[in-house]
Amino acid sequence: MSILTIILNILLPPLAVFMKHGLGVTFLISLLLTALGWIPGVIHAFLVNGTR
């Protein structure tokens, strides 16, 4: 995981997921979780971007 990805995971979780996986279900889940609360979005971004 690059330093840019880590920074984006923290500041803009949906953008980080979009850059790694494109538009799709994963991006929509990240967008929804970030809208519900910033922390769930960050956790999801780290989990999704760290596993692949």
N, C-alpha and C. Protein backbone atom coordinates (compact mmCIF):
# COMPACT_ATOMS: atom_id res chain seq x y z
N MET A 1 0.84 -1.16 0.00
CA MET A 1 0.00 0.00 0.00
C MET A 1 0.90 1.24 0.00
N SER A 2 0.65 2.15 -0.93
CA SER A 2 1.49 3.34 -1.04
C SER A 2 1.07 4.40 -0.02
N ILE A 3 1.92 5.36 0.18
CA ILE A 3 1.63 6.44 1.12
C ILE A 3 0.44 7.26 0.65
N LEU A 4 0.29 7.43 -0.67
CA LEU A 4 -0.86 8.16 -1.21
C LEU A 4 -2.15 7.43 -0.87
N THR A 5 -2.16 6.12 -1.00
CA THR A 5 -3.36 5.33 -0.67
C THR A 5 -3.70 5.46 0.80
N ILE A 6 -2.71 5.44 1.66
CA ILE A 6 -2.94 5.57 3.10
C ILE A 6 -3.55 6.93 3.43
N ILE A 7 -2.99 7.98 2.83
CA ILE A 7 -3.52 9.32 3.08
C ILE A 7 -4.95 9.45 2.57
N LEU A 8 -5.21 8.92 1.37
CA LEU A 8 -6.57 8.98 0.83
C LEU A 8 -7.54 8.12 1.64
N ASN A 9 -7.07 6.99 2.15
CA ASN A 9 -7.93 6.16 3.00
C ASN A 9 -8.41 6.94 4.21
N ILE A 10 -7.56 7.81 4.72
CA ILE A 10 -7.91 8.58 5.92
C ILE A 10 -8.75 9.81 5.55
N LEU A 11 -8.34 10.55 4.53
CA LEU A 11 -9.02 11.81 4.21
C LEU A 11 -10.27 11.63 3.36
N LEU A 12 -10.19 10.82 2.33
CA LEU A 12 -11.31 10.63 1.39
C LEU A 12 -11.46 9.14 1.06
N PRO A 13 -12.06 8.38 1.96
CA PRO A 13 -12.15 6.93 1.75
C PRO A 13 -12.79 6.50 0.42
N PRO A 14 -13.90 7.13 -0.02
CA PRO A 14 -14.47 6.69 -1.30
C PRO A 14 -13.53 6.91 -2.49
N LEU A 15 -12.78 7.99 -2.47
CA LEU A 15 -11.83 8.25 -3.56
C LEU A 15 -10.73 7.20 -3.59
N ALA A 16 -10.25 6.81 -2.42
CA ALA A 16 -9.22 5.77 -2.35
C ALA A 16 -9.73 4.44 -2.90
N VAL A 17 -10.97 4.10 -2.55
CA VAL A 17 -11.55 2.85 -3.05
C VAL A 17 -11.79 2.95 -4.55
N PHE A 18 -12.24 4.10 -5.03
CA PHE A 18 -12.46 4.29 -6.46
C PHE A 18 -11.16 4.15 -7.25
N MET A 19 -10.07 4.72 -6.74
CA MET A 19 -8.80 4.65 -7.45
C MET A 19 -8.28 3.22 -7.55
N LYS A 20 -8.60 2.39 -6.57
CA LYS A 20 -8.10 1.01 -6.57
C LYS A 20 -9.05 0.05 -7.30
N HIS A 21 -10.36 0.25 -7.14
CA HIS A 21 -11.33 -0.73 -7.64
C HIS A 21 -12.29 -0.20 -8.71
N GLY A 22 -12.31 1.10 -8.95
CA GLY A 22 -13.22 1.68 -9.93
C GLY A 22 -14.64 1.76 -9.40
N LEU A 23 -15.55 2.13 -10.31
CA LEU A 23 -16.96 2.21 -9.93
C LEU A 23 -17.53 0.81 -9.82
N GLY A 24 -18.21 0.56 -8.75
CA GLY A 24 -18.80 -0.76 -8.53
C GLY A 24 -19.41 -0.83 -7.16
N VAL A 25 -19.72 -2.03 -6.75
CA VAL A 25 -20.38 -2.25 -5.47
C VAL A 25 -19.47 -1.82 -4.31
N THR A 26 -18.19 -2.09 -4.42
CA THR A 26 -17.26 -1.73 -3.35
C THR A 26 -17.22 -0.22 -3.16
N PHE A 27 -17.22 0.53 -4.25
CA PHE A 27 -17.23 1.99 -4.17
C PHE A 27 -18.52 2.49 -3.53
N LEU A 28 -19.65 1.91 -3.92
CA LEU A 28 -20.93 2.34 -3.37
C LEU A 28 -21.03 2.05 -1.88
N ILE A 29 -20.51 0.91 -1.46
CA ILE A 29 -20.49 0.59 -0.03
C ILE A 29 -19.62 1.59 0.72
N SER A 30 -18.48 1.93 0.16
CA SER A 30 -17.60 2.90 0.79
C SER A 30 -18.27 4.26 0.88
N LEU A 31 -18.95 4.67 -0.17
CA LEU A 31 -19.66 5.94 -0.19
C LEU A 31 -20.75 5.97 0.87
N LEU A 32 -21.51 4.90 0.98
CA LEU A 32 -22.59 4.81 1.97
C LEU A 32 -22.04 4.83 3.39
N LEU A 33 -21.00 4.06 3.64
CA LEU A 33 -20.41 4.02 4.98
C LEU A 33 -19.81 5.37 5.38
N THR A 34 -19.20 6.05 4.43
CA THR A 34 -18.64 7.37 4.71
C THR A 34 -19.74 8.38 4.97
N ALA A 35 -20.86 8.27 4.26
CA ALA A 35 -21.99 9.17 4.49
C ALA A 35 -22.62 8.93 5.86
N LEU A 36 -22.63 7.68 6.31
CA LEU A 36 -23.19 7.35 7.61
C LEU A 36 -22.28 7.77 8.75
N GLY A 37 -21.01 7.77 8.49
CA GLY A 37 -20.03 8.16 9.51
C GLY A 37 -18.64 8.00 8.93
N TRP A 38 -17.79 8.95 9.21
CA TRP A 38 -16.47 8.96 8.61
C TRP A 38 -15.65 7.74 9.01
N ILE A 39 -15.70 7.35 10.27
CA ILE A 39 -14.90 6.23 10.78
C ILE A 39 -15.24 4.91 10.07
N PRO A 40 -16.52 4.56 9.91
CA PRO A 40 -16.81 3.32 9.17
C PRO A 40 -16.27 3.34 7.73
N GLY A 41 -16.30 4.50 7.11
CA GLY A 41 -15.75 4.63 5.76
C GLY A 41 -14.25 4.41 5.72
N VAL A 42 -13.56 4.94 6.71
CA VAL A 42 -12.10 4.77 6.79
C VAL A 42 -11.75 3.31 7.04
N ILE A 43 -12.46 2.68 7.96
CA ILE A 43 -12.20 1.27 8.26
C ILE A 43 -12.44 0.41 7.02
N HIS A 44 -13.53 0.66 6.32
CA HIS A 44 -13.83 -0.11 5.11
C HIS A 44 -12.75 0.11 4.05
N ALA A 45 -12.32 1.34 3.88
CA ALA A 45 -11.29 1.65 2.87
C ALA A 45 -9.99 0.91 3.18
N PHE A 46 -9.59 0.90 4.45
CA PHE A 46 -8.36 0.19 4.82
C PHE A 46 -8.51 -1.31 4.61
N LEU A 47 -9.67 -1.86 4.96
CA LEU A 47 -9.88 -3.30 4.78
C LEU A 47 -9.88 -3.68 3.30
N VAL A 48 -10.56 -2.92 2.49
CA VAL A 48 -10.67 -3.25 1.07
C VAL A 48 -9.36 -3.01 0.34
N ASN A 49 -8.70 -1.90 0.60
CA ASN A 49 -7.47 -1.57 -0.13
C ASN A 49 -6.27 -2.35 0.40
N GLY A 50 -6.34 -2.83 1.59
CA GLY A 50 -5.21 -3.57 2.16
C GLY A 50 -5.21 -5.05 1.79
N THR A 51 -6.36 -5.59 1.38
CA THR A 51 -6.44 -7.02 1.12
C THR A 51 -6.06 -7.39 -0.29
N ARG A 52 -6.07 -6.47 -1.21
CA ARG A 52 -5.77 -6.81 -2.61
C ARG A 52 -4.49 -6.20 -3.06
